[in-house]
PDB file of all heavy atoms in Angstrom:
ATOM      1  N   MET A   1      56.146  28.938  60.786  1.00  0.00           N
ATOM      2  CA  MET A   1      55.135  28.496  61.738  1.00  0.00           C
ATOM      3  C   MET A   1      55.546  27.135  62.289  1.00  0.00           C
ATOM      4  O   MET A   1      56.281  26.395  61.628  1.00  0.00           O
ATOM      5  CB  MET A   1      53.757  28.375  61.080  1.00  0.00           C
ATOM      6  CG  MET A   1      53.085  29.697  60.777  1.00  0.00           C
ATOM      7  SD  MET A   1      51.371  29.448  60.162  1.00  0.00           S
ATOM      8  CE  MET A   1      50.563  28.792  61.651  1.00  0.00           C
ATOM      9  N   GLU A   2      55.061  26.834  63.475  1.00  0.00           N
ATOM     10  CA  GLU A   2      55.286  25.519  64.048  1.00  0.00           C
ATOM     11  C   GLU A   2      54.218  24.561  63.532  1.00  0.00           C
ATOM     12  O   GLU A   2      53.050  24.938  63.407  1.00  0.00           O
ATOM     13  CB  GLU A   2      55.239  25.585  65.572  1.00  0.00           C
ATOM     14  CG  GLU A   2      55.605  24.275  66.250  1.00  0.00           C
ATOM     15  CD  GLU A   2      55.668  24.399  67.757  1.00  0.00           C
ATOM     16  OE1 GLU A   2      55.183  25.419  68.293  1.00  0.00           O
ATOM     17  OE2 GLU A   2      56.192  23.477  68.398  1.00  0.00           O
ATOM     18  N   GLY A   3      54.629  23.344  63.226  1.00  0.00           N
ATOM     19  CA  GLY A   3      53.690  22.339  62.764  1.00  0.00           C
ATOM     20  C   GLY A   3      52.882  21.776  63.914  1.00  0.00           C
ATOM     21  O   GLY A   3      52.966  22.237  65.057  1.00  0.00           O
ATOM     22  N   PHE A   4      52.098  20.745  63.624  1.00  0.00           N
ATOM     23  CA  PHE A   4      51.179  20.188  64.613  1.00  0.00           C
ATOM     24  C   PHE A   4      51.851  19.090  65.435  1.00  0.00           C
ATOM     25  O   PHE A   4      52.703  18.357  64.949  1.00  0.00           O
ATOM     26  CB  PHE A   4      49.947  19.611  63.913  1.00  0.00           C
ATOM     27  CG  PHE A   4      49.279  20.585  62.994  1.00  0.00           C
ATOM     28  CD1 PHE A   4      48.940  20.219  61.700  1.00  0.00           C
ATOM     29  CD2 PHE A   4      48.991  21.876  63.410  1.00  0.00           C
ATOM     30  CE1 PHE A   4      48.328  21.114  60.841  1.00  0.00           C
ATOM     31  CE2 PHE A   4      48.373  22.778  62.564  1.00  0.00           C
ATOM     32  CZ  PHE A   4      48.046  22.403  61.273  1.00  0.00           C
ATOM     33  N   SER A   5      51.423  18.992  66.666  1.00  0.00           N
ATOM     34  CA  SER A   5      51.826  17.894  67.529  1.00  0.00           C
ATOM     35  C   SER A   5      50.811  16.778  67.344  1.00  0.00           C
ATOM     36  O   SER A   5      49.697  16.848  67.869  1.00  0.00           O
ATOM     37  CB  SER A   5      51.865  18.353  68.994  1.00  0.00           C
ATOM     38  OG  SER A   5      52.142  17.262  69.843  1.00  0.00           O
ATOM     39  N   TYR A   6      51.174  15.766  66.589  1.00  0.00           N
ATOM     40  CA  TYR A   6      50.209  14.725  66.237  1.00  0.00           C
ATOM     41  C   TYR A   6      49.883  13.806  67.406  1.00  0.00           C
ATOM     42  O   TYR A   6      48.993  12.966  67.319  1.00  0.00           O
ATOM     43  CB  TYR A   6      50.721  13.927  65.041  1.00  0.00           C
ATOM     44  CG  TYR A   6      50.673  14.738  63.762  1.00  0.00           C
ATOM     45  CD1 TYR A   6      51.825  15.342  63.264  1.00  0.00           C
ATOM     46  CD2 TYR A   6      49.475  14.940  63.094  1.00  0.00           C
ATOM     47  CE1 TYR A   6      51.781  16.113  62.102  1.00  0.00           C
ATOM     48  CE2 TYR A   6      49.424  15.703  61.936  1.00  0.00           C
ATOM     49  CZ  TYR A   6      50.577  16.279  61.452  1.00  0.00           C
ATOM     50  OH  TYR A   6      50.533  17.056  60.317  1.00  0.00           O
ATOM     51  N   GLY A   7      50.592  13.998  68.518  1.00  0.00           N
ATOM     52  CA  GLY A   7      50.262  13.230  69.703  1.00  0.00           C
ATOM     53  C   GLY A   7      49.153  13.869  70.514  1.00  0.00           C
ATOM     54  O   GLY A   7      48.652  13.275  71.468  1.00  0.00           O
ATOM     55  N   SER A   8      48.755  15.092  70.131  1.00  0.00           N
ATOM     56  CA  SER A   8      47.695  15.781  70.864  1.00  0.00           C
ATOM     57  C   SER A   8      46.372  15.057  70.697  1.00  0.00           C
ATOM     58  O   SER A   8      46.070  14.517  69.634  1.00  0.00           O
ATOM     59  CB  SER A   8      47.559  17.221  70.356  1.00  0.00           C
ATOM     60  OG  SER A   8      48.748  17.935  70.566  1.00  0.00           O
ATOM     61  N   LYS A   9      45.566  15.071  71.760  1.00  0.00           N
ATOM     62  CA  LYS A   9      44.293  14.368  71.726  1.00  0.00           C
ATOM     63  C   LYS A   9      43.147  15.331  72.002  1.00  0.00           C
ATOM     64  O   LYS A   9      43.330  16.383  72.603  1.00  0.00           O
ATOM     65  CB  LYS A   9      44.285  13.238  72.760  1.00  0.00           C
ATOM     66  CG  LYS A   9      45.345  12.165  72.518  1.00  0.00           C
ATOM     67  CD  LYS A   9      45.302  11.106  73.595  1.00  0.00           C
ATOM     68  CE  LYS A   9      46.372  10.044  73.365  1.00  0.00           C
ATOM     69  NZ  LYS A   9      46.366   9.013  74.435  1.00  0.00           N
ATOM     70  N   GLY A  10      41.952  14.939  71.561  1.00  0.00           N
ATOM     71  CA  GLY A  10      40.761  15.707  71.875  1.00  0.00           C
ATOM     72  C   GLY A  10      40.422  16.761  70.829  1.00  0.00           C
ATOM     73  O   GLY A  10      41.170  17.013  69.879  1.00  0.00           O
ATOM     74  N   ASN A  11      39.257  17.378  71.031  1.00  0.00           N
ATOM     75  CA  ASN A  11      38.765  18.368  70.077  1.00  0.00           C
ATOM     76  C   ASN A  11      39.612  19.624  70.032  1.00  0.00           C
ATOM     77  O   ASN A  11      39.688  20.308  69.013  1.00  0.00           O
ATOM     78  CB  ASN A  11      37.319  18.739  70.420  1.00  0.00           C
ATOM     79  CG  ASN A  11      36.363  17.588  70.158  1.00  0.00           C
ATOM     80  OD1 ASN A  11      36.657  16.716  69.351  1.00  0.00           O
ATOM     81  ND2 ASN A  11      35.240  17.576  70.851  1.00  0.00           N
ATOM     82  N   SER A  12      40.248  19.965  71.160  1.00  0.00           N
ATOM     83  CA  SER A  12      41.053  21.177  71.199  1.00  0.00           C
ATOM     84  C   SER A  12      42.175  21.143  70.169  1.00  0.00           C
ATOM     85  O   SER A  12      42.428  22.130  69.475  1.00  0.00           O
ATOM     86  CB  SER A  12      41.634  21.374  72.601  1.00  0.00           C
ATOM     87  OG  SER A  12      42.425  22.538  72.660  1.00  0.00           O
ATOM     88  N   GLY A  13      42.855  19.992  70.066  1.00  0.00           N
ATOM     89  CA  GLY A  13      43.927  19.851  69.084  1.00  0.00           C
ATOM     90  C   GLY A  13      43.412  19.975  67.663  1.00  0.00           C
ATOM     91  O   GLY A  13      44.068  20.570  66.805  1.00  0.00           O
ATOM     92  N   LEU A  14      42.220  19.419  67.413  1.00  0.00           N
ATOM     93  CA  LEU A  14      41.615  19.536  66.086  1.00  0.00           C
ATOM     94  C   LEU A  14      41.283  20.988  65.767  1.00  0.00           C
ATOM     95  O   LEU A  14      41.487  21.465  64.648  1.00  0.00           O
ATOM     96  CB  LEU A  14      40.346  18.679  66.012  1.00  0.00           C
ATOM     97  CG  LEU A  14      40.543  17.165  66.123  1.00  0.00           C
ATOM     98  CD1 LEU A  14      39.188  16.470  66.173  1.00  0.00           C
ATOM     99  CD2 LEU A  14      41.361  16.640  64.950  1.00  0.00           C
ATOM    100  N   ASP A  15      40.761  21.702  66.758  1.00  0.00           N
ATOM    101  CA  ASP A  15      40.417  23.112  66.556  1.00  0.00           C
ATOM    102  C   ASP A  15      41.662  23.938  66.228  1.00  0.00           C
ATOM    103  O   ASP A  15      41.648  24.763  65.308  1.00  0.00           O
ATOM    104  CB  ASP A  15      39.747  23.690  67.809  1.00  0.00           C
ATOM    105  CG  ASP A  15      38.324  23.195  67.983  1.00  0.00           C
ATOM    106  OD1 ASP A  15      37.759  22.654  67.016  1.00  0.00           O
ATOM    107  OD2 ASP A  15      37.783  23.362  69.089  1.00  0.00           O
ATOM    108  N   ILE A  16      42.742  23.706  66.973  1.00  0.00           N
ATOM    109  CA  ILE A  16      43.977  24.458  66.737  1.00  0.00           C
ATOM    110  C   ILE A  16      44.491  24.204  65.326  1.00  0.00           C
ATOM    111  O   ILE A  16      44.954  25.123  64.638  1.00  0.00           O
ATOM    112  CB  ILE A  16      45.043  24.083  67.781  1.00  0.00           C
ATOM    113  CG1 ILE A  16      44.624  24.617  69.161  1.00  0.00           C
ATOM    114  CG2 ILE A  16      46.403  24.653  67.398  1.00  0.00           C
ATOM    115  CD1 ILE A  16      45.517  24.160  70.297  1.00  0.00           C
ATOM    116  N   ALA A  17      44.394  22.950  64.870  1.00  0.00           N
ATOM    117  CA  ALA A  17      44.819  22.634  63.496  1.00  0.00           C
ATOM    118  C   ALA A  17      43.993  23.414  62.488  1.00  0.00           C
ATOM    119  O   ALA A  17      44.518  23.960  61.509  1.00  0.00           O
ATOM    120  CB  ALA A  17      44.693  21.137  63.244  1.00  0.00           C
ATOM    121  N   GLY A  18      42.674  23.488  62.725  1.00  0.00           N
ATOM    122  CA  GLY A  18      41.810  24.244  61.820  1.00  0.00           C
ATOM    123  C   GLY A  18      42.174  25.718  61.788  1.00  0.00           C
ATOM    124  O   GLY A  18      42.248  26.340  60.713  1.00  0.00           O
ATOM    125  N   TYR A  19      42.410  26.296  62.943  1.00  0.00           N
ATOM    126  CA  TYR A  19      42.806  27.707  63.021  1.00  0.00           C
ATOM    127  C   TYR A  19      44.149  27.925  62.330  1.00  0.00           C
ATOM    128  O   TYR A  19      44.356  28.917  61.625  1.00  0.00           O
ATOM    129  CB  TYR A  19      42.890  28.147  64.486  1.00  0.00           C
ATOM    130  CG  TYR A  19      41.571  28.555  65.093  1.00  0.00           C
ATOM    131  CD1 TYR A  19      40.573  27.619  65.362  1.00  0.00           C
ATOM    132  CD2 TYR A  19      41.309  29.886  65.407  1.00  0.00           C
ATOM    133  CE1 TYR A  19      39.362  27.984  65.914  1.00  0.00           C
ATOM    134  CE2 TYR A  19      40.093  30.262  65.962  1.00  0.00           C
ATOM    135  CZ  TYR A  19      39.122  29.314  66.219  1.00  0.00           C
ATOM    136  OH  TYR A  19      37.928  29.693  66.766  1.00  0.00           O
ATOM    137  N   ALA A  20      45.062  26.985  62.540  1.00  0.00           N
ATOM    138  CA  ALA A  20      46.394  27.120  61.937  1.00  0.00           C
ATOM    139  C   ALA A  20      46.327  27.055  60.415  1.00  0.00           C
ATOM    140  O   ALA A  20      47.031  27.789  59.714  1.00  0.00           O
ATOM    141  CB  ALA A  20      47.319  26.034  62.470  1.00  0.00           C
ATOM    142  N   TYR A  21      45.472  26.174  59.879  1.00  0.00           N
ATOM    143  CA  TYR A  21      45.358  26.082  58.425  1.00  0.00           C
ATOM    144  C   TYR A  21      44.764  27.359  57.831  1.00  0.00           C
ATOM    145  O   TYR A  21      45.138  27.775  56.730  1.00  0.00           O
ATOM    146  CB  TYR A  21      44.532  24.860  58.022  1.00  0.00           C
ATOM    147  CG  TYR A  21      45.365  23.612  57.867  1.00  0.00           C
ATOM    148  CD1 TYR A  21      45.160  22.503  58.680  1.00  0.00           C
ATOM    149  CD2 TYR A  21      46.374  23.551  56.904  1.00  0.00           C
ATOM    150  CE1 TYR A  21      45.940  21.359  58.542  1.00  0.00           C
ATOM    151  CE2 TYR A  21      47.149  22.422  56.761  1.00  0.00           C
ATOM    152  CZ  TYR A  21      46.934  21.330  57.584  1.00  0.00           C
ATOM    153  OH  TYR A  21      47.718  20.201  57.450  1.00  0.00           O
ATOM    154  N   CYS A  22      43.840  27.994  58.561  1.00  0.00           N
ATOM    155  CA  CYS A  22      43.311  29.283  58.091  1.00  0.00           C
ATOM    156  C   CYS A  22      44.430  30.315  57.998  1.00  0.00           C
ATOM    157  O   CYS A  22      44.520  31.087  57.036  1.00  0.00           O
ATOM    158  CB  CYS A  22      42.217  29.786  59.033  1.00  0.00           C
ATOM    159  SG  CYS A  22      40.586  29.086  58.737  1.00  0.00           S
ATOM    160  N   LEU A  23      45.306  30.324  59.007  1.00  0.00           N
ATOM    161  CA  LEU A  23      46.417  31.276  58.992  1.00  0.00           C
ATOM    162  C   LEU A  23      47.427  30.924  57.902  1.00  0.00           C
ATOM    163  O   LEU A  23      47.935  31.815  57.201  1.00  0.00           O
ATOM    164  CB  LEU A  23      47.101  31.306  60.357  1.00  0.00           C
ATOM    165  CG  LEU A  23      48.294  32.254  60.471  1.00  0.00           C
ATOM    166  CD1 LEU A  23      47.899  33.683  60.085  1.00  0.00           C
ATOM    167  CD2 LEU A  23      48.875  32.215  61.879  1.00  0.00           C
ATOM    168  N   ARG A  24      47.712  29.646  57.723  1.00  0.00           N
ATOM    169  CA  ARG A  24      48.639  29.239  56.660  1.00  0.00           C
ATOM    170  C   ARG A  24      48.138  29.724  55.299  1.00  0.00           C
ATOM    171  O   ARG A  24      48.918  30.213  54.469  1.00  0.00           O
ATOM    172  CB  ARG A  24      48.796  27.720  56.638  1.00  0.00           C
ATOM    173  CG  ARG A  24      49.553  27.145  57.815  1.00  0.00           C
ATOM    174  CD  ARG A  24      49.686  25.636  57.678  1.00  0.00           C
ATOM    175  NE  ARG A  24      50.333  25.027  58.819  1.00  0.00           N
ATOM    176  CZ  ARG A  24      50.681  23.749  58.902  1.00  0.00           C
ATOM    177  NH1 ARG A  24      50.446  22.953  57.866  1.00  0.00           N
ATOM    178  NH2 ARG A  24      51.264  23.257  59.981  1.00  0.00           N
ATOM    179  N   LYS A  25      46.858  29.561  55.070  1.00  0.00           N
ATOM    180  CA  LYS A  25      46.282  29.996  53.797  1.00  0.00           C
ATOM    181  C   LYS A  25      46.431  31.505  53.618  1.00  0.00           C
ATOM    182  O   LYS A  25      46.803  31.985  52.536  1.00  0.00           O
ATOM    183  CB  LYS A  25      44.801  29.615  53.719  1.00  0.00           C
ATOM    184  CG  LYS A  25      44.111  30.016  52.418  1.00  0.00           C
ATOM    185  CD  LYS A  25      42.678  29.500  52.396  1.00  0.00           C
ATOM    186  CE  LYS A  25      41.998  29.822  51.063  1.00  0.00           C
ATOM    187  NZ  LYS A  25      41.799  31.259  50.878  1.00  0.00           N
ATOM    188  N   ALA A  26      46.173  32.264  54.683  1.00  0.00           N
ATOM    189  CA  ALA A  26      46.290  33.722  54.601  1.00  0.00           C
ATOM    190  C   ALA A  26      47.737  34.138  54.357  1.00  0.00           C
ATOM    191  O   ALA A  26      48.004  35.070  53.584  1.00  0.00           O
ATOM    192  CB  ALA A  26      45.759  34.348  55.888  1.00  0.00           C
ATOM    193  N   LEU A  27      48.686  33.456  54.997  1.00  0.00           N
ATOM    194  CA  LEU A  27      50.107  33.759  54.790  1.00  0.00           C
ATOM    195  C   LEU A  27      50.537  33.387  53.373  1.00  0.00           C
ATOM    196  O   LEU A  27      51.296  34.114  52.730  1.00  0.00           O
ATOM    197  CB  LEU A  27      50.956  32.992  55.807  1.00  0.00           C
ATOM    198  CG  LEU A  27      50.821  33.420  57.266  1.00  0.00           C
ATOM    199  CD1 LEU A  27      51.502  32.405  58.174  1.00  0.00           C
ATOM    200  CD2 LEU A  27      51.411  34.800  57.484  1.00  0.00           C
ATOM    201  N   PHE A  28      50.042  32.258  52.894  1.00  0.00           N
ATOM    202  CA  PHE A  28      50.335  31.808  51.529  1.00  0.00           C
ATOM    203  C   PHE A  28      49.854  32.844  50.518  1.00  0.00           C
ATOM    204  O   PHE A  28      50.553  33.165  49.551  1.00  0.00           O
ATOM    205  CB  PHE A  28      49.656  30.455  51.291  1.00  0.00           C
ATOM    206  CG  PHE A  28      49.837  29.905  49.912  1.00  0.00           C
ATOM    207  CD1 PHE A  28      50.961  29.176  49.589  1.00  0.00           C
ATOM    208  CD2 PHE A  28      48.876  30.124  48.933  1.00  0.00           C
ATOM    209  CE1 PHE A  28      51.128  28.664  48.304  1.00  0.00           C
ATOM    210  CE2 PHE A  28      49.034  29.621  47.647  1.00  0.00           C
ATOM    211  CZ  PHE A  28      50.160  28.890  47.331  1.00  0.00           C
ATOM    212  N   GLU A  29      48.663  33.384  50.739  1.00  0.00           N
ATOM    213  CA  GLU A  29      48.097  34.368  49.816  1.00  0.00           C
ATOM    214  C   GLU A  29      48.853  35.694  49.863  1.00  0.00           C
ATOM    215  O   GLU A  29      48.955  36.393  48.857  1.00  0.00           O
ATOM    216  CB  GLU A  29      46.624  34.588  50.132  1.00  0.00           C
ATOM    217  CG  GLU A  29      45.745  33.382  49.799  1.00  0.00           C
ATOM    218  CD  GLU A  29      44.316  33.547  50.257  1.00  0.00           C
ATOM    219  OE1 GLU A  29      44.043  34.482  51.056  1.00  0.00           O
ATOM    220  OE2 GLU A  29      43.459  32.746  49.823  1.00  0.00           O
ATOM    221  N   LYS A  30      49.389  36.042  51.030  1.00  0.00           N
ATOM    222  CA  LYS A  30      50.103  37.314  51.151  1.00  0.00           C
ATOM    223  C   LYS A  30      51.547  37.239  50.664  1.00  0.00           C
ATOM    224  O   LYS A  30      52.026  38.150  49.989  1.00  0.00           O
ATOM    225  CB  LYS A  30      50.087  37.784  52.609  1.00  0.00           C
ATOM    226  CG  LYS A  30      50.801  39.131  52.826  1.00  0.00           C
ATOM    227  CD  LYS A  30      50.490  39.732  54.171  1.00  0.00           C
ATOM    228  CE  LYS A  30      51.123  41.103  54.307  1.00  0.00           C
ATOM    229  NZ  LYS A  30      50.677  41.832  55.508  1.00  0.00           N
ATOM    230  N   TYR A  31      52.231  36.149  51.013  1.00  0.00           N
ATOM    231  CA  TYR A  31      53.666  36.078  50.747  1.00  0.00           C
ATOM    232  C   TYR A  31      54.064  35.058  49.683  1.00  0.00           C
ATOM    233  O   TYR A  31      55.179  35.109  49.168  1.00  0.00           O
ATOM    234  CB  TYR A  31      54.415  35.742  52.042  1.00  0.00           C
ATOM    235  CG  TYR A  31      54.260  36.772  53.132  1.00  0.00           C
ATOM    236  CD1 TYR A  31      53.770  36.418  54.389  1.00  0.00           C
ATOM    237  CD2 TYR A  31      54.615  38.101  52.925  1.00  0.00           C
ATOM    238  CE1 TYR A  31      53.640  37.359  55.404  1.00  0.00           C
ATOM    239  CE2 TYR A  31      54.483  39.048  53.929  1.00  0.00           C
ATOM    240  CZ  TYR A  31      53.996  38.669  55.171  1.00  0.00           C
ATOM    241  OH  TYR A  31      53.871  39.609  56.162  1.00  0.00           O
ATOM    242  N   GLY A  32      53.194  34.111  49.367  1.00  0.00           N
ATOM    243  CA  GLY A  32      53.545  33.077  48.404  1.00  0.00           C
ATOM    244  C   GLY A  32      54.209  31.877  49.077  1.00  0.00           C
ATOM    245  O   GLY A  32      54.658  31.956  50.223  1.00  0.00           O
ATOM    246  N   SER A  33      54.303  30.773  48.355  1.00  0.00           N
ATOM    247  CA  SER A  33      54.801  29.519  48.924  1.00  0.00           C
ATOM    248  C   SER A  33      56.290  29.556  49.259  1.00  0.00           C
ATOM    249  O   SER A  33      56.741  28.872  50.182  1.00  0.00           O
ATOM    250  CB  SER A  33      54.528  28.365  47.956  1.00  0.00           C
ATOM    251  OG  SER A  33      55.199  28.575  46.722  1.00  0.00           O
ATOM    252  N   THR A  34      57.077  30.353  48.528  1.00  0.00           N
ATOM    253  CA  THR A  34      58.522  30.343  48.741  1.00  0.00           C
ATOM    254  C   THR A  34      58.935  31.085  50.008  1.00  0.00           C
ATOM    255  O   THR A  34      60.076  30.963  50.451  1.00  0.00           O
ATOM    256  CB  THR A  34      59.246  30.982  47.541  1.00  0.00           C
ATOM    257  OG1 THR A  34      58.808  32.344  47.379  1.00  0.00           O
ATOM    258  CG2 THR A  34      58.962  30.210  46.263  1.00  0.00           C
ATOM    259  N   LYS A  35      58.038  31.847  50.589  1.00  0.00           N
ATOM    260  CA  LYS A  35      58.368  32.604  51.805  1.00  0.00           C
ATOM    261  C   LYS A  35      57.790  31.947  53.065  1.00  0.00           C
ATOM    262  O   LYS A  35      57.932  32.500  54.163  1.00  0.00           O
ATOM    263  CB  LYS A  35      57.814  34.035  51.684  1.00  0.00           C
ATOM    264  CG  LYS A  35      58.361  34.826  50.501  1.00  0.00           C
ATOM    265  CD  LYS A  35      59.832  35.110  50.678  1.00  0.00           C
ATOM    266  CE  LYS A  35      60.394  35.902  49.509  1.00  0.00           C
ATOM    267  NZ  LYS A  35      59.881  37.276  49.467  1.00  0.00           N
ATOM    268  N   LEU A  36      57.157  30.797  52.912  1.00  0.00           N
ATOM    269  CA  LEU A  36      56.509  30.143  54.037  1.00  0.00           C
ATOM    270  C   LEU A  36      57.204  28.826  54.359  1.00  0.00           C
ATOM    271  O   LEU A  36      57.473  28.027  53.477  1.00  0.00           O
ATOM    272  CB  LEU A  36      55.031  29.870  53.706  1.00  0.00           C
ATOM    273  CG  LEU A  36      54.175  29.191  54.780  1.00  0.00           C
ATOM    274  CD1 LEU A  36      54.098  30.045  56.033  1.00  0.00           C
ATOM    275  CD2 LEU A  36      52.768  28.914  54.231  1.00  0.00           C
TER     276      LEU A  36
END
């Protein structure tokens, strides 16, 4: 996955980070830490 652009501003960037963390967690649960 691509990481976050910390230069992004506004609520939209915060929302995308939240959505991305939900997906990271789901991928972690399916494949484990060594595959991510």
